[in-house]
N, C-alpha and C. Protein backbone atom coordinates (compact mmCIF):
# COMPACT_ATOMS: atom_id res chain seq x y z
N MET A 1 141.85 53.00 79.39
CA MET A 1 140.87 53.11 78.32
C MET A 1 139.52 53.37 78.90
N ILE A 2 138.73 54.19 78.25
CA ILE A 2 137.40 54.57 78.71
C ILE A 2 136.42 53.47 78.33
N ASN A 3 135.65 53.04 79.27
CA ASN A 3 134.60 52.07 79.05
C ASN A 3 133.53 52.68 78.17
N LYS A 4 133.26 52.03 77.01
CA LYS A 4 132.30 52.59 76.05
C LYS A 4 130.89 52.68 76.63
N LYS A 5 130.52 51.71 77.46
CA LYS A 5 129.19 51.75 78.05
C LYS A 5 129.08 52.94 79.02
N ALA A 6 130.09 53.15 79.82
CA ALA A 6 130.09 54.28 80.75
C ALA A 6 130.07 55.61 80.00
N LEU A 7 130.81 55.68 78.91
CA LEU A 7 130.85 56.90 78.10
C LEU A 7 129.45 57.16 77.51
N LYS A 8 128.79 56.13 77.03
CA LYS A 8 127.46 56.30 76.47
C LYS A 8 126.48 56.76 77.53
N GLN A 9 126.58 56.17 78.73
CA GLN A 9 125.70 56.58 79.85
C GLN A 9 125.95 58.05 80.21
N LEU A 10 127.20 58.45 80.20
CA LEU A 10 127.55 59.84 80.53
C LEU A 10 127.00 60.80 79.47
N GLN A 11 127.07 60.38 78.21
CA GLN A 11 126.55 61.23 77.13
C GLN A 11 125.02 61.33 77.25
N GLU A 12 124.36 60.22 77.59
CA GLU A 12 122.91 60.24 77.76
C GLU A 12 122.52 61.17 78.92
N LEU A 13 123.25 61.10 80.03
CA LEU A 13 122.99 61.93 81.18
C LEU A 13 123.19 63.40 80.81
N GLN A 14 124.23 63.68 80.06
CA GLN A 14 124.51 65.05 79.63
C GLN A 14 123.36 65.58 78.77
N ALA A 15 122.83 64.75 77.89
CA ALA A 15 121.69 65.13 77.05
C ALA A 15 120.44 65.38 77.88
N LYS A 16 120.20 64.53 78.88
CA LYS A 16 119.05 64.72 79.75
C LYS A 16 119.18 66.00 80.57
N LEU A 17 120.38 66.27 81.04
CA LEU A 17 120.61 67.50 81.79
C LEU A 17 120.39 68.74 80.93
N ALA A 18 120.86 68.68 79.70
CA ALA A 18 120.67 69.80 78.78
C ALA A 18 119.17 70.02 78.50
N ARG A 19 118.41 68.94 78.33
CA ARG A 19 116.96 69.07 78.11
C ARG A 19 116.28 69.67 79.34
N ALA A 20 116.69 69.17 80.53
CA ALA A 20 116.09 69.70 81.77
C ALA A 20 116.41 71.18 81.94
N GLN A 21 117.63 71.57 81.66
CA GLN A 21 117.99 72.99 81.78
C GLN A 21 117.20 73.84 80.78
N GLN A 22 117.01 73.33 79.59
CA GLN A 22 116.21 74.07 78.59
C GLN A 22 114.78 74.22 79.04
N GLU A 23 114.20 73.14 79.63
CA GLU A 23 112.84 73.21 80.13
C GLU A 23 112.74 74.24 81.26
N LEU A 24 113.75 74.29 82.12
CA LEU A 24 113.73 75.26 83.20
C LEU A 24 113.79 76.68 82.69
N GLU A 25 114.61 76.93 81.66
CA GLU A 25 114.72 78.25 81.09
C GLU A 25 113.43 78.71 80.45
N GLU A 26 112.67 77.76 79.87
CA GLU A 26 111.43 78.09 79.18
C GLU A 26 110.25 78.13 80.13
N ALA A 27 110.36 77.57 81.33
CA ALA A 27 109.25 77.53 82.26
C ALA A 27 108.91 78.92 82.77
N VAL A 28 107.62 79.19 82.96
CA VAL A 28 107.17 80.44 83.54
C VAL A 28 106.30 80.07 84.74
N LEU A 29 106.69 80.58 85.91
CA LEU A 29 105.97 80.29 87.14
C LEU A 29 105.45 81.59 87.73
N GLU A 30 104.30 81.49 88.37
CA GLU A 30 103.65 82.72 88.89
C GLU A 30 103.45 82.63 90.38
N GLY A 31 103.75 83.72 91.04
CA GLY A 31 103.42 83.87 92.45
C GLY A 31 102.45 85.01 92.58
N SER A 32 101.58 84.92 93.60
CA SER A 32 100.62 86.03 93.77
C SER A 32 100.38 86.26 95.25
N SER A 33 99.87 87.43 95.56
CA SER A 33 99.51 87.78 96.94
C SER A 33 98.36 88.73 96.90
N GLY A 34 97.78 88.96 98.06
CA GLY A 34 96.65 89.87 98.15
C GLY A 34 95.47 89.40 97.35
N GLY A 35 95.24 88.07 97.34
CA GLY A 35 94.12 87.52 96.56
C GLY A 35 94.28 87.76 95.07
N GLY A 36 95.50 87.81 94.59
CA GLY A 36 95.76 88.02 93.17
C GLY A 36 95.95 89.46 92.78
N ALA A 37 95.96 90.36 93.78
CA ALA A 37 96.13 91.79 93.48
C ALA A 37 97.53 92.08 92.97
N VAL A 38 98.51 91.28 93.41
CA VAL A 38 99.90 91.40 92.93
C VAL A 38 100.30 90.04 92.37
N LYS A 39 100.75 90.06 91.12
CA LYS A 39 101.20 88.81 90.45
C LYS A 39 102.62 89.02 89.90
N VAL A 40 103.43 88.03 90.13
CA VAL A 40 104.84 88.08 89.65
C VAL A 40 105.10 86.80 88.86
N LYS A 41 105.68 86.95 87.68
CA LYS A 41 106.07 85.79 86.91
C LYS A 41 107.60 85.73 86.86
N VAL A 42 108.10 84.49 87.04
CA VAL A 42 109.53 84.25 86.97
C VAL A 42 109.79 83.10 86.01
N SER A 43 110.99 83.06 85.47
CA SER A 43 111.40 81.94 84.68
C SER A 43 112.03 80.90 85.60
N GLY A 44 112.31 79.74 85.06
CA GLY A 44 112.97 78.71 85.85
C GLY A 44 114.44 78.96 86.05
N LYS A 45 114.97 80.05 85.53
CA LYS A 45 116.42 80.33 85.66
C LYS A 45 116.85 80.58 87.09
N PRO A 46 116.30 81.21 87.99
CA PRO A 46 115.12 82.07 88.01
C PRO A 46 115.44 83.53 87.67
N GLU A 47 114.51 84.14 87.00
CA GLU A 47 114.63 85.53 86.61
C GLU A 47 113.23 86.13 86.59
N VAL A 48 113.06 87.30 87.21
CA VAL A 48 111.74 87.93 87.23
C VAL A 48 111.41 88.39 85.82
N LEU A 49 110.23 87.99 85.35
CA LEU A 49 109.81 88.33 83.99
C LEU A 49 108.80 89.48 83.98
N SER A 50 107.91 89.48 84.96
CA SER A 50 106.90 90.56 85.00
C SER A 50 106.33 90.72 86.41
N VAL A 51 105.80 91.92 86.64
CA VAL A 51 105.11 92.24 87.88
C VAL A 51 103.83 92.97 87.48
N LYS A 52 102.70 92.46 87.96
CA LYS A 52 101.41 93.10 87.68
C LYS A 52 100.80 93.49 89.02
N ILE A 53 100.34 94.73 89.10
CA ILE A 53 99.75 95.26 90.34
C ILE A 53 98.39 95.85 90.02
N SER A 54 97.37 95.35 90.73
CA SER A 54 96.01 95.89 90.56
C SER A 54 95.96 97.30 91.14
N PRO A 55 95.37 98.23 90.44
CA PRO A 55 95.32 99.62 90.91
C PRO A 55 94.70 99.81 92.30
N GLU A 56 93.76 98.93 92.65
CA GLU A 56 93.10 99.10 93.95
C GLU A 56 94.03 98.87 95.15
N VAL A 57 95.19 98.26 94.96
CA VAL A 57 96.11 98.08 96.08
C VAL A 57 97.15 99.16 96.15
N ILE A 58 97.09 100.13 95.26
CA ILE A 58 98.04 101.25 95.29
C ILE A 58 97.46 102.38 96.14
N ASP A 59 97.97 102.46 97.34
CA ASP A 59 97.52 103.47 98.29
C ASP A 59 98.75 104.27 98.73
N PRO A 60 98.89 105.52 98.27
CA PRO A 60 100.06 106.31 98.65
C PRO A 60 100.23 106.47 100.17
N GLN A 61 99.13 106.27 100.90
CA GLN A 61 99.21 106.39 102.36
C GLN A 61 99.72 105.11 103.02
N ASP A 62 99.76 104.02 102.26
CA ASP A 62 100.16 102.72 102.83
C ASP A 62 101.08 101.99 101.86
N VAL A 63 102.23 102.58 101.59
CA VAL A 63 103.21 101.99 100.68
C VAL A 63 103.74 100.66 101.20
N SER A 64 103.86 100.54 102.52
CA SER A 64 104.40 99.31 103.11
C SER A 64 103.55 98.09 102.78
N LEU A 65 102.23 98.26 102.67
CA LEU A 65 101.38 97.14 102.30
C LEU A 65 101.70 96.65 100.89
N LEU A 66 101.85 97.58 99.96
CA LEU A 66 102.20 97.20 98.59
C LEU A 66 103.57 96.54 98.54
N GLU A 67 104.53 97.06 99.30
CA GLU A 67 105.86 96.44 99.35
C GLU A 67 105.76 95.01 99.87
N ASP A 68 104.98 94.79 100.90
CA ASP A 68 104.80 93.45 101.48
C ASP A 68 104.15 92.51 100.46
N LEU A 69 103.16 93.00 99.74
CA LEU A 69 102.48 92.17 98.73
C LEU A 69 103.43 91.77 97.60
N ILE A 70 104.25 92.73 97.16
CA ILE A 70 105.21 92.42 96.09
C ILE A 70 106.24 91.41 96.58
N LEU A 71 106.75 91.63 97.76
CA LEU A 71 107.76 90.71 98.32
C LEU A 71 107.18 89.29 98.44
N ALA A 72 105.97 89.19 98.95
CA ALA A 72 105.33 87.86 99.10
C ALA A 72 105.15 87.17 97.75
N ALA A 73 104.70 87.92 96.74
CA ALA A 73 104.51 87.34 95.41
C ALA A 73 105.83 86.89 94.79
N VAL A 74 106.85 87.72 94.91
CA VAL A 74 108.17 87.36 94.35
C VAL A 74 108.70 86.11 95.04
N ASN A 75 108.63 86.06 96.35
CA ASN A 75 109.14 84.90 97.08
C ASN A 75 108.37 83.64 96.72
N GLN A 76 107.09 83.75 96.56
CA GLN A 76 106.28 82.59 96.16
C GLN A 76 106.67 82.08 94.78
N ALA A 77 106.84 82.98 93.84
CA ALA A 77 107.24 82.60 92.49
C ALA A 77 108.63 81.97 92.45
N LEU A 78 109.55 82.53 93.23
CA LEU A 78 110.92 81.97 93.30
C LEU A 78 110.93 80.61 93.95
N GLU A 79 110.09 80.40 94.93
CA GLU A 79 109.98 79.08 95.56
C GLU A 79 109.47 78.06 94.57
N LYS A 80 108.50 78.45 93.76
CA LYS A 80 108.00 77.55 92.71
C LYS A 80 109.12 77.22 91.71
N ALA A 81 109.96 78.18 91.38
CA ALA A 81 111.06 77.94 90.45
C ALA A 81 112.07 76.97 91.09
N ARG A 82 112.38 77.14 92.36
CA ARG A 82 113.29 76.22 93.05
C ARG A 82 112.73 74.83 93.09
N ASP A 83 111.43 74.70 93.40
CA ASP A 83 110.79 73.40 93.43
C ASP A 83 110.82 72.71 92.07
N LEU A 84 110.58 73.47 91.02
CA LEU A 84 110.61 72.91 89.68
C LEU A 84 112.00 72.42 89.33
N ALA A 85 113.01 73.20 89.68
CA ALA A 85 114.40 72.80 89.41
C ALA A 85 114.74 71.54 90.15
N ALA A 86 114.31 71.43 91.40
CA ALA A 86 114.58 70.22 92.18
C ALA A 86 113.91 69.00 91.56
N ARG A 87 112.65 69.16 91.14
CA ARG A 87 111.92 68.05 90.52
C ARG A 87 112.57 67.59 89.21
N ARG A 88 113.06 68.56 88.43
CA ARG A 88 113.66 68.22 87.12
C ARG A 88 115.09 67.69 87.24
N LEU A 89 115.87 68.26 88.13
CA LEU A 89 117.29 67.92 88.19
C LEU A 89 117.66 66.83 89.21
N GLU A 90 116.92 66.75 90.29
CA GLU A 90 117.27 65.79 91.33
C GLU A 90 117.31 64.34 90.85
N PRO A 91 116.33 63.90 90.04
CA PRO A 91 116.42 62.51 89.56
C PRO A 91 117.66 62.26 88.70
N LEU A 92 118.11 63.27 88.01
CA LEU A 92 119.28 63.11 87.16
C LEU A 92 120.57 63.08 87.95
N ALA A 93 120.53 63.61 89.18
CA ALA A 93 121.73 63.66 90.00
C ALA A 93 121.99 62.34 90.73
N GLY A 94 121.07 61.41 90.61
CA GLY A 94 121.27 60.10 91.22
C GLY A 94 121.42 60.14 92.74
N GLY A 95 120.66 61.03 93.39
CA GLY A 95 120.69 61.09 94.83
C GLY A 95 121.74 62.05 95.37
N LEU A 96 122.62 62.56 94.51
CA LEU A 96 123.64 63.52 94.98
C LEU A 96 122.97 64.86 95.26
N LYS A 97 123.42 65.53 96.28
CA LYS A 97 122.91 66.84 96.63
C LYS A 97 123.95 67.89 96.26
N PHE A 98 123.55 68.87 95.50
CA PHE A 98 124.45 69.96 95.11
C PHE A 98 124.00 71.23 95.78
N PRO A 99 124.81 71.84 96.65
CA PRO A 99 124.38 73.04 97.35
C PRO A 99 123.95 74.13 96.37
N GLY A 100 122.82 74.74 96.69
CA GLY A 100 122.29 75.82 95.88
C GLY A 100 121.38 75.39 94.77
N LEU A 101 121.35 74.10 94.46
CA LEU A 101 120.44 73.63 93.40
C LEU A 101 119.14 73.12 94.00
N PHE A 102 119.24 72.25 95.00
CA PHE A 102 118.03 71.72 95.62
C PHE A 102 118.38 71.15 96.99
């Protein structure tokens, strides 16, 4: 027979996890590089939502600089998304570590 107290705790944890996942999906995090010349927004899923590039960093003679700036901004935004997921989900995991989550 299932312990009613344990079942209630499990249901509460499930509800907390669902809320945390919803918060992550709604979160918007931004990474930037080049002093803000390139900005990337990602969701907590993580999923890239937008990329903004200031015209002054677009130099057809130096495409590699723009590529580096975009890469740096994307990586920064994704790191913020991973950190947010760890902060929201780790306390709910009770100290357990799940590969790929945090």
